[in-house]
Amino acid sequence: MKTLYLDCGMGAAGDMLTGALLELFPDMDSQIEALNRLGIPDVEYRKESIQKCGIKGTYVSVLVHGKEEGAFDGIEHSHEHVHGQAPAHGHFHDHEHQKEHVHTSLHAIRDILYGLKLPDKVKEDALAVYGLIAEAESKVHGVPVSQIHFHEVGTLDAVADITAVCYLLDQLAVEEIIVSPIHVGSGQVQCAHGILPVPAPATAWILKEAPVYGGSIQGELCTPTGAALLQYFATRFGAMPVMRLKAVGYGMGRKDYPAANCVRAMLGETEDTRSSVWELCCNIDDMTGEDIGFAMERLLEAGALEVFTIPAGMKKSRPGIVLHVLCSEQTKETLIPLIFQHTTTIGIRGSRMERYVLERESEVVESAYGPICKKTSKGYGVLRAKYEYEELARIAREQNISLEAVRKEIQRKGY
């Protein structure tokens, strides 16, 4: 299984994660060019090689209107203005933007993201990460998310960092992302409206349920942007698994500490893979088969790993079904409302469990019928291969033969 391990022993920020992921590509320059072609207004990405404690890595800067708007990752933050209230301190991003007084809403951020030249999934990922940060600010300041507004330049800077990480992860196409326990720093941080503890309130809220720790290093090591990206993309948190390393990247921060101020990204292959999944279950005895089928389709579209039903006897001897939904930690909170929306259940049971999976690969092979997608699963001493059903069905219809005849012909040719 293609696995990415993120070592956050010195916290994380959006620019540090971008630099670490960039170093995993053989041609970093082409990736920077691709980022600059995304179309974020008035934004330019630049990279430079720097050293921290004798380790060489990549620092990625974001220029807004031709100027870098800060150089202290995780130390100072932009200031958000909440309509109807005095300006509140918002730990929204890694840099301070004191000269800007134009604000923008989460809705406007969505418009920016959906105007970029990106796959829909990357846009959705970026908006979801932004939503985590906005929700954290909402909880910290006690105002609705709809009333959270951010400085325009700070927004472009944040959009750039979040979009870059989402885009690069999509390009890497990893199957599992494991994040180390996160070093958040210690002490206090000075902001425009006073002194706050480390981790900052918004960062602490975002990192709920994640393993974090402090230490002797004074300062804010993990920013809200970094926290949200880690929380959203992590398949799980923990120690580095046994893996065959393919590439290692170091994403540097600007500030110097006694330890190397970097995020380390390690890309490799894991074989016997165990991951955590959630199972959501509910009993249903008053829905038609068509309605249940529609609900299953919507849950799969929303990111469920698997959806299935099991016949069961309900109260008063009524026949019914138990709906089972398997999902990741990240999609659980999205799927629960959808289950209530599309089924008649009044209660959902949830449990966390370990899942063991085979490593899966897909390749396109040439056959007498044209290109066919072949899927291979391996691990635990097992090797299996099969062809995509839809493609076999298409060939059977075009050739006016049975599915079995198509399979036999492909096997006979040894594709």
Foldseek 3Di string as FASTA:
>chain_A
DKEKEKEAPLADFLQQLLFFLLQQDPDSVVLQVVLQQFDQPQKHKDKDWDDAPRDIAIGIFIGHVRHGQAAFFQAAADWWQFPPDHTDRALQHGGYHPPFDDKDALVVLLVSLVVTPDPPVLSVLLSVLSVLRLVLVCVVVVHDSRRIIGGPVRSSRLSSSSSSSSRSCVVSPGDAYEYEAHEQEFDWGAYPVGIATTPHSSLVVLCPPGHYDYDDGHGGRHGSSTSSVCSQRHLYYHDDDDWDWDGKHWRAGRDHDPDGNTMIMTIGDDFWDKTKKKKKKFKAQPDDPVLVVVLLVVLVVLAFPDWDWDWDQDPPRGITIMIITIHTPNCVVVVVVSCVVSGVTPDMDMDMDMDTAFDKDWDWDQDPQGTWIKMWTDHPHDIDIDTDPVVLVVSCVVVVHDSVVSVVRCVVVPD
